[in-house]
C-alpha atoms as a PDB file:
ATOM      1  CA  MET A   1       0.632   4.720  11.021  1.00  0.00           C
ATOM      2  CA  THR A   2      -1.677   4.309   8.049  1.00  0.00           C
ATOM      3  CA  ILE A   3      -1.587   0.988   6.170  1.00  0.00           C
ATOM      4  CA  ASP A   4      -2.244   0.521   2.455  1.00  0.00           C
ATOM      5  CA  ASP A   5      -3.116  -3.077   1.606  1.00  0.00           C
ATOM      6  CA  ASP A   6      -4.898  -2.590  -1.705  1.00  0.00           C
ATOM      7  CA  GLY A   7      -1.968  -3.440  -3.988  1.00  0.00           C
ATOM      8  CA  ARG A   8      -0.184  -6.690  -4.664  1.00  0.00           C
ATOM      9  CA  ASN A   9       3.271  -7.354  -6.027  1.00  0.00           C
ATOM     10  CA  THR A  10       2.516  -7.667  -9.745  1.00  0.00           C
ATOM     11  CA  LEU A  11       5.184  -9.867 -11.248  1.00  0.00           C
ATOM     12  CA  GLY A  12       6.711  -9.662 -14.697  1.00  0.00           C
ATOM     13  CA  ARG A  13       9.948 -10.688 -16.376  1.00  0.00           C
ATOM     14  CA  GLY A  14      13.348  -8.971 -16.308  1.00  0.00           C
ATOM     15  CA  GLU A  15      17.015  -9.937 -15.907  1.00  0.00           C
ATOM     16  CA  GLY A  16      16.012 -13.437 -14.851  1.00  0.00           C
ATOM     17  CA  VAL A  17      14.172 -12.095 -11.796  1.00  0.00           C
ATOM     18  CA  ALA A  18      10.498 -11.287 -11.441  1.00  0.00           C
ATOM     19  CA  ARG A  19       9.987  -7.519 -11.288  1.00  0.00           C
ATOM     20  CA  ALA A  20       6.926  -5.484 -10.420  1.00  0.00           C
ATOM     21  CA  THR A  21       5.103  -3.622 -13.162  1.00  0.00           C
ATOM     22  CA  LEU A  22       7.021  -0.469 -13.996  1.00  0.00           C
ATOM     23  CA  PRO A  23       5.500   2.926 -13.178  1.00  0.00           C
ATOM     24  CA  ASN A  24       4.981   5.528 -15.885  1.00  0.00           C
ATOM     25  CA  ASP A  25       6.880   8.823 -15.999  1.00  0.00           C
ATOM     26  CA  ASP A  26       4.128  10.715 -14.140  1.00  0.00           C
ATOM     27  CA  ALA A  27       4.360   8.281 -11.232  1.00  0.00           C
ATOM     28  CA  ARG A  28       8.118   8.905 -10.969  1.00  0.00           C
ATOM     29  CA  SER A  29       8.184  12.689 -11.363  1.00  0.00           C
ATOM     30  CA  GLY A  30       9.245  14.812  -8.419  1.00  0.00           C
ATOM     31  CA  ILE A  31      11.059  11.913  -6.735  1.00  0.00           C
ATOM     32  CA  ALA A  32      14.820  12.018  -6.148  1.00  0.00           C
ATOM     33  CA  THR A  33      16.408   8.639  -5.405  1.00  0.00           C
ATOM     34  CA  LEU A  34      19.397   8.031  -3.133  1.00  0.00           C
ATOM     35  CA  ILE A  35      21.237   4.702  -2.933  1.00  0.00           C
ATOM     36  CA  LEU A  36      22.568   4.142   0.591  1.00  0.00           C
ATOM     37  CA  ALA A  37      26.153   2.892   0.346  1.00  0.00           C
ATOM     38  CA  GLY A  38      27.900   4.465   3.338  1.00  0.00           C
ATOM     39  CA  GLY A  39      27.761   1.509   5.722  1.00  0.00           C
ATOM     40  CA  LEU A  40      30.841  -0.473   6.677  1.00  0.00           C
ATOM     41  CA  GLY A  41      29.363  -3.866   5.751  1.00  0.00           C
ATOM     42  CA  ALA A  42      31.491  -5.514   8.433  1.00  0.00           C
ATOM     43  CA  ARG A  43      29.291  -8.626   8.719  1.00  0.00           C
ATOM     44  CA  ILE A  44      30.027  -9.519   5.092  1.00  0.00           C
ATOM     45  CA  GLY A  45      33.701  -8.558   5.143  1.00  0.00           C
ATOM     46  CA  GLY A  46      33.403  -4.922   4.022  1.00  0.00           C
ATOM     47  CA  ALA A  47      32.881  -3.273   0.622  1.00  0.00           C
ATOM     48  CA  LYS A  48      29.302  -4.564   0.524  1.00  0.00           C
ATOM     49  CA  PRO A  49      28.234  -2.579  -2.583  1.00  0.00           C
ATOM     50  CA  MET A  50      30.914  -4.380  -4.605  1.00  0.00           C
ATOM     51  CA  ARG A  51      30.100  -7.925  -3.466  1.00  0.00           C
ATOM     52  CA  LEU A  52      29.015 -10.037  -6.424  1.00  0.00           C
ATOM     53  CA  LEU A  53      25.579 -11.552  -6.915  1.00  0.00           C
ATOM     54  CA  ASN A  54      25.298 -13.609 -10.092  1.00  0.00           C
ATOM     55  CA  GLU A  55      28.616 -12.052 -11.199  1.00  0.00           C
ATOM     56  CA  ARG A  56      27.297  -8.488 -10.810  1.00  0.00           C
ATOM     57  CA  PRO A  57      28.053  -6.070  -7.931  1.00  0.00           C
ATOM     58  CA  LEU A  58      25.159  -5.552  -5.536  1.00  0.00           C
ATOM     59  CA  LEU A  59      25.347  -1.849  -6.373  1.00  0.00           C
ATOM     60  CA  ASP A  60      24.526  -2.630 -10.001  1.00  0.00           C
ATOM     61  CA  TRP A  61      21.390  -4.536  -8.997  1.00  0.00           C
ATOM     62  CA  VAL A  62      20.131  -1.647  -6.869  1.00  0.00           C
ATOM     63  CA  ARG A  63      21.148   0.985  -9.426  1.00  0.00           C
ATOM     64  CA  GLU A  64      19.051  -0.837 -12.030  1.00  0.00           C
ATOM     65  CA  ALA A  65      16.066  -0.853  -9.673  1.00  0.00           C
ATOM     66  CA  ALA A  66      16.661   2.796  -8.704  1.00  0.00           C
ATOM     67  CA  ARG A  67      16.399   3.976 -12.302  1.00  0.00           C
ATOM     68  CA  MET A  68      12.794   2.729 -12.308  1.00  0.00           C
ATOM     69  CA  GLN A  69      11.893   4.831  -9.263  1.00  0.00           C
ATOM     70  CA  GLY A  70      12.714   8.469  -9.911  1.00  0.00           C
ATOM     71  CA  ASP A  71      15.180  10.980 -11.247  1.00  0.00           C
ATOM     72  CA  PRO A  72      17.670  12.438 -10.307  1.00  0.00           C
ATOM     73  CA  LEU A  73      19.656   9.553  -8.858  1.00  0.00           C
ATOM     74  CA  ALA A  74      22.657   9.758  -6.509  1.00  0.00           C
ATOM     75  CA  ILE A  75      24.616   7.568  -4.141  1.00  0.00           C
ATOM     76  CA  SER A  76      25.302   8.333  -0.480  1.00  0.00           C
ATOM     77  CA  VAL A  77      28.856   7.781   0.752  1.00  0.00           C
ATOM     78  CA  ARG A  78      30.405   7.946   4.209  1.00  0.00           C
ATOM     79  CA  ASP A  79      33.283  10.200   3.164  1.00  0.00           C
ATOM     80  CA  ASP A  80      35.330  11.334   0.195  1.00  0.00           C
ATOM     81  CA  THR A  81      37.525   8.224   0.288  1.00  0.00           C
ATOM     82  CA  TRP A  82      34.773   5.911  -1.000  1.00  0.00           C
ATOM     83  CA  GLU A  83      35.955   4.016  -4.053  1.00  0.00           C
ATOM     84  CA  GLY A  84      33.333   2.050  -5.915  1.00  0.00           C
ATOM     85  CA  SER A  85      31.701   1.668  -9.278  1.00  0.00           C
ATOM     86  CA  ALA A  86      29.024   3.928 -10.782  1.00  0.00           C
ATOM     87  CA  PRO A  87      31.292   6.957 -11.361  1.00  0.00           C
ATOM     88  CA  GLU A  88      28.460   8.586 -13.313  1.00  0.00           C
ATOM     89  CA  LEU A  89      26.342   8.942 -10.170  1.00  0.00           C
ATOM     90  CA  GLU A  90      26.523  12.081  -8.072  1.00  0.00           C
ATOM     91  CA  ARG A  91      27.908  11.363  -4.611  1.00  0.00           C
ATOM     92  CA  VAL A  92      26.153  12.751  -1.548  1.00  0.00           C
ATOM     93  CA  ARG A  93      28.373  12.702   1.519  1.00  0.00           C
ATOM     94  CA  ASP A  94      26.768  11.701   4.823  1.00  0.00           C
ATOM     95  CA  ALA A  95      25.997  14.591   7.161  1.00  0.00           C
ATOM     96  CA  ASP A  96      28.628  15.264   9.808  1.00  0.00           C
ATOM     97  CA  ALA A  97      27.952  14.610  13.518  1.00  0.00           C
ATOM     98  CA  ILE A  98      25.119  12.171  12.704  1.00  0.00           C
ATOM     99  CA  GLN A  99      25.519   8.409  12.848  1.00  0.00           C
ATOM    100  CA  GLY A 100      24.190   5.589  10.715  1.00  0.00           C
ATOM    101  CA  PRO A 101      21.449   5.809   8.076  1.00  0.00           C
ATOM    102  CA  LEU A 102      20.175   9.067   9.567  1.00  0.00           C
ATOM    103  CA  ALA A 103      23.372  10.748   8.347  1.00  0.00           C
ATOM    104  CA  ALA A 104      22.538   9.684   4.794  1.00  0.00           C
ATOM    105  CA  LEU A 105      18.910  10.746   5.175  1.00  0.00           C
ATOM    106  CA  ALA A 106      19.823  14.219   6.459  1.00  0.00           C
ATOM    107  CA  ALA A 107      22.255  14.799   3.590  1.00  0.00           C
ATOM    108  CA  GLY A 108      19.879  13.224   1.091  1.00  0.00           C
ATOM    109  CA  LEU A 109      16.963  15.471   2.018  1.00  0.00           C
ATOM    110  CA  ALA A 110      19.139  18.566   1.591  1.00  0.00           C
ATOM    111  CA  TRP A 111      20.353  17.252  -1.772  1.00  0.00           C
ATOM    112  CA  ALA A 112      16.830  16.422  -2.961  1.00  0.00           C
ATOM    113  CA  ARG A 113      15.537  19.870  -2.001  1.00  0.00           C
ATOM    114  CA  GLY A 114      18.395  21.381  -3.994  1.00  0.00           C
ATOM    115  CA  GLN A 115      17.246  19.316  -6.984  1.00  0.00           C
ATOM    116  CA  GLY A 116      13.713  20.705  -6.660  1.00  0.00           C
ATOM    117  CA  ALA A 117      12.280  17.285  -5.762  1.00  0.00           C
ATOM    118  CA  ARG A 118       9.190  16.964  -3.600  1.00  0.00           C
ATOM    119  CA  TYR A 119      10.167  13.513  -2.325  1.00  0.00           C
ATOM    120  CA  LEU A 120      13.322  11.572  -1.484  1.00  0.00           C
ATOM    121  CA  LEU A 121      13.357   7.781  -1.876  1.00  0.00           C
ATOM    122  CA  THR A 122      16.176   5.923  -0.114  1.00  0.00           C
ATOM    123  CA  LEU A 123      17.309   2.482  -1.292  1.00  0.00           C
ATOM    124  CA  PRO A 124      19.917   0.359   0.522  1.00  0.00           C
ATOM    125  CA  CYS A 125      22.720  -1.034  -1.622  1.00  0.00           C
ATOM    126  CA  ASP A 126      22.038  -4.566  -0.318  1.00  0.00           C
ATOM    127  CA  THR A 127      18.468  -5.059  -1.602  1.00  0.00           C
ATOM    128  CA  PRO A 128      18.800  -6.544  -5.106  1.00  0.00           C
ATOM    129  CA  PHE A 129      15.168  -7.554  -5.694  1.00  0.00           C
ATOM    130  CA  LEU A 130      13.318  -4.255  -5.193  1.00  0.00           C
ATOM    131  CA  PRO A 131       9.887  -3.873  -6.873  1.00  0.00           C
ATOM    132  CA  GLY A 132       9.637  -1.530  -9.847  1.00  0.00           C
ATOM    133  CA  ASP A 133       6.488   0.141  -8.493  1.00  0.00           C
ATOM    134  CA  LEU A 134       8.042   1.036  -5.128  1.00  0.00           C
ATOM    135  CA  SER A 135       8.136   4.833  -5.429  1.00  0.00           C
ATOM    136  CA  ALA A 136       4.743   5.055  -7.152  1.00  0.00           C
ATOM    137  CA  ARG A 137       2.930   3.056  -4.479  1.00  0.00           C
ATOM    138  CA  LEU A 138       4.713   4.770  -1.603  1.00  0.00           C
ATOM    139  CA  ARG A 139       3.834   8.200  -2.978  1.00  0.00           C
ATOM    140  CA  ALA A 140       0.219   7.110  -3.421  1.00  0.00           C
ATOM    141  CA  ALA A 141       0.170   5.964   0.214  1.00  0.00           C
ATOM    142  CA  SER A 142       1.678   9.267   1.388  1.00  0.00           C
ATOM    143  CA  VAL A 143      -0.795  11.365  -0.604  1.00  0.00           C
ATOM    144  CA  ARG A 144      -3.810   9.281   0.382  1.00  0.00           C
ATOM    145  CA  SER A 145      -2.946   9.369   4.084  1.00  0.00           C
ATOM    146  CA  GLN A 146      -1.493  12.909   4.072  1.00  0.00           C
ATOM    147  CA  LYS A 147       1.523  11.549   5.943  1.00  0.00           C
ATOM    148  CA  PRO A 148       5.003  12.975   5.165  1.00  0.00           C
ATOM    149  CA  VAL A 149       6.667   9.551   5.181  1.00  0.00           C
ATOM    150  CA  ALA A 150       5.719   6.260   3.530  1.00  0.00           C
ATOM    151  CA  LEU A 151       7.362   2.905   4.249  1.00  0.00           C
ATOM    152  CA  PRO A 152       7.025  -0.479   2.547  1.00  0.00           C
ATOM    153  CA  GLN A 153       6.251  -3.629   4.454  1.00  0.00           C
ATOM    154  CA  SER A 154       6.325  -7.307   3.583  1.00  0.00           C
ATOM    155  CA  ALA A 155       5.962 -10.518   5.567  1.00  0.00           C
ATOM    156  CA  GLY A 156       4.759  -8.438   8.520  1.00  0.00           C
ATOM    157  CA  ARG A 157       7.922  -6.295   8.658  1.00  0.00           C
ATOM    158  CA  LEU A 158       8.471  -2.621   7.887  1.00  0.00           C
ATOM    159  CA  HIS A 159      11.495  -1.636   5.782  1.00  0.00           C
ATOM    160  CA  PRO A 160      12.409   1.929   6.826  1.00  0.00           C
ATOM    161  CA  ALA A 161      15.631   2.044   4.791  1.00  0.00           C
ATOM    162  CA  CYS A 162      13.442   1.886   1.657  1.00  0.00           C
ATOM    163  CA  GLY A 163      11.347   4.877   2.703  1.00  0.00           C
ATOM    164  CA  LEU A 164       9.846   7.795   0.818  1.00  0.00           C
ATOM    165  CA  TRP A 165      10.239  11.152   2.617  1.00  0.00           C
ATOM    166  CA  ARG A 166       8.682  14.474   1.714  1.00  0.00           C
ATOM    167  CA  THR A 167      11.452  17.025   1.389  1.00  0.00           C
ATOM    168  CA  ASP A 168       9.437  19.804   3.081  1.00  0.00           C
ATOM    169  CA  ILE A 169       9.024  18.081   6.446  1.00  0.00           C
ATOM    170  CA  GLY A 170      11.168  20.750   8.139  1.00  0.00           C
ATOM    171  CA  LEU A 171      13.561  18.595  10.152  1.00  0.00           C
ATOM    172  CA  ASN A 172      16.312  20.242  12.201  1.00  0.00           C
ATOM    173  CA  PRO A 173      19.571  18.798  13.592  1.00  0.00           C
ATOM    174  CA  GLU A 174      17.880  17.902  16.867  1.00  0.00           C
ATOM    175  CA  ASP A 175      15.592  15.482  15.019  1.00  0.00           C
ATOM    176  CA  PHE A 176      18.626  13.405  14.014  1.00  0.00           C
ATOM    177  CA  LYS A 177      20.214  13.240  17.480  1.00  0.00           C
ATOM    178  CA  GLN A 178      21.324   9.863  18.755  1.00  0.00           C
ATOM    179  CA  GLY A 179      19.085   8.245  21.313  1.00  0.00           C
ATOM    180  CA  THR A 180      16.421   5.605  21.736  1.00  0.00           C
ATOM    181  CA  ARG A 181      14.359   7.046  18.877  1.00  0.00           C
ATOM    182  CA  SER A 182      17.225   7.980  16.582  1.00  0.00           C
ATOM    183  CA  SER A 183      16.646   5.213  14.048  1.00  0.00           C
ATOM    184  CA  LEU A 184      14.918   5.670  10.706  1.00  0.00           C
ATOM    185  CA  ILE A 185      11.789   3.986  12.053  1.00  0.00           C
ATOM    186  CA  GLY A 186      11.931   6.170  15.154  1.00  0.00           C
ATOM    187  CA  LEU A 187      12.105   9.335  13.063  1.00  0.00           C
ATOM    188  CA  ALA A 188       9.352   8.102  10.747  1.00  0.00           C
ATOM    189  CA  SER A 189       7.159   7.394  13.768  1.00  0.00           C
ATOM    190  CA  ARG A 190       7.677  10.898  15.119  1.00  0.00           C
ATOM    191  CA  MET A 191       6.858  12.449  11.732  1.00  0.00           C
ATOM    192  CA  GLY A 192       3.934  10.121  11.014  1.00  0.00           C
ATOM    193  CA  PHE A 193       4.047   7.529   8.255  1.00  0.00           C
ATOM    194  CA  ALA A 194       1.883   5.440   5.978  1.00  0.00           C
ATOM    195  CA  ALA A 195       2.726   1.839   5.078  1.00  0.00           C
ATOM    196  CA  ALA A 196       2.198   0.014   1.788  1.00  0.00           C
ATOM    197  CA  THR A 197       2.282  -3.778   1.705  1.00  0.00           C
ATOM    198  CA  TRP A 198       3.991  -6.030  -0.851  1.00  0.00           C
ATOM    199  CA  CYS A 199       3.489  -9.754  -1.260  1.00  0.00           C
ATOM    200  CA  ALA A 200       6.469 -11.865  -0.107  1.00  0.00           C
ATOM    201  CA  ILE A 201       5.612 -14.813  -2.380  1.00  0.00           C
ATOM    202  CA  PRO A 202       7.420 -16.274  -4.310  1.00  0.00           C
ATOM    203  CA  PHE A 203      10.136 -14.078  -2.780  1.00  0.00           C
ATOM    204  CA  ASP A 204      10.395 -11.058  -0.523  1.00  0.00           C
ATOM    205  CA  PRO A 205      11.212  -8.032  -2.737  1.00  0.00           C
ATOM    206  CA  PHE A 206      12.906  -6.382   0.263  1.00  0.00           C
ATOM    207  CA  PHE A 207      15.268  -9.271   0.962  1.00  0.00           C
ATOM    208  CA  ASN A 208      18.559  -7.728   2.084  1.00  0.00           C
ATOM    209  CA  ILE A 209      22.078  -9.106   2.170  1.00  0.00           C
ATOM    210  CA  ASN A 210      24.035  -8.666   5.395  1.00  0.00           C
ATOM    211  CA  ALA A 211      26.141 -11.826   5.561  1.00  0.00           C
ATOM    212  CA  GLU A 212      27.685 -14.512   3.388  1.00  0.00           C
ATOM    213  CA  SER A 213      24.732 -16.784   4.140  1.00  0.00           C
ATOM    214  CA  ASP A 214      22.348 -14.123   2.775  1.00  0.00           C
ATOM    215  CA  LEU A 215      24.420 -13.891  -0.392  1.00  0.00           C
ATOM    216  CA  ALA A 216      24.230 -17.662  -0.842  1.00  0.00           C
ATOM    217  CA  GLU A 217      20.465 -17.545  -0.289  1.00  0.00           C
ATOM    218  CA  ALA A 218      20.127 -14.805  -2.920  1.00  0.00           C
ATOM    219  CA  GLU A 219      22.137 -16.872  -5.418  1.00  0.00           C
ATOM    220  CA  ALA A 220      19.859 -19.857  -4.774  1.00  0.00           C
ATOM    221  CA  LEU A 221      16.779 -17.665  -5.194  1.00  0.00           C
ATOM    222  CA  LEU A 222      18.036 -16.367  -8.537  1.00  0.00           C
ATOM    223  CA  ALA A 223      18.718 -19.892  -9.731  1.00  0.00           C
ATOM    224  CA  ALA A 224      15.212 -20.978  -8.751  1.00  0.00           C
ATOM    225  CA  LEU A 225      13.567 -17.986 -10.419  1.00  0.00           C
ATOM    226  CA  GLN A 226      15.540 -18.537 -13.608  1.00  0.00           C
ATOM    227  CA  ALA A 227      14.312 -22.104 -13.914  1.00  0.00           C
ATOM    228  CA  PRO A 228      11.937 -22.487 -16.912  1.00  0.00           C
ATOM    229  CA  SER A 229       9.095 -23.750 -14.717  1.00  0.00           C
ATOM    230  CA  ALA A 230       9.363 -20.721 -12.410  1.00  0.00           C
ATOM    231  CA  ILE A 231       9.391 -18.221 -15.269  1.00  0.00           C
ATOM    232  CA  ALA A 232       6.366 -19.901 -16.834  1.00  0.00           C
ATOM    233  CA  SER A 233       4.390 -19.755 -13.579  1.00  0.00           C
ATOM    234  CA  LEU A 234       5.244 -16.079 -12.997  1.00  0.00           C
ATOM    235  CA  ASN A 235       3.988 -15.067 -16.427  1.00  0.00           C
ATOM    236  CA  ARG A 236       0.645 -16.890 -16.397  1.00  0.00           C
END
């Protein structure tokens, strides 16, 4: 693993939440973005992408962040029965005979290659506070380290579901088999990855929502960030 620590989370204003400085078009080119929405979301009662945060579906929060990262943009779904918002987004069905996020990654890489993209960025549907410079910094880390995968980290934790993957890494079905190393982080470790670090103050940009308590915490965070004193401090 190669670690990139030379960038900080640069905060600005947007939608009541601090956002990282947006990348320019050159920084986003060649990157296809896939929103991961195929999970069951059982811990939060199901239909996680449609759960409301500040009266907006979680999917809308991530879709907004995804549009800053790269184009084209699609959403991964478990099967053809998925019914959610964002009808304008292309749907990429999870690969058969593969379980969990790896099914979305396998299908997403094939989709991204078909779009002529050099990289695939995956974004979970439950991470509403993603930084705007995510894809640009991950690609810089991948290029600098010559690693085919780049992962963000914050507060000492890696976030493999928000990874950037080169589409020419030549994976085969055996690489996605279920076993002790069948997770996203396990696959990234086998391929070799670089890590880029984001500041987790005043909030962790990779905060994810898995339960009702997480949703309540996110609502409280939004309320705190929307306070006049917080906005003033973020824009000094």
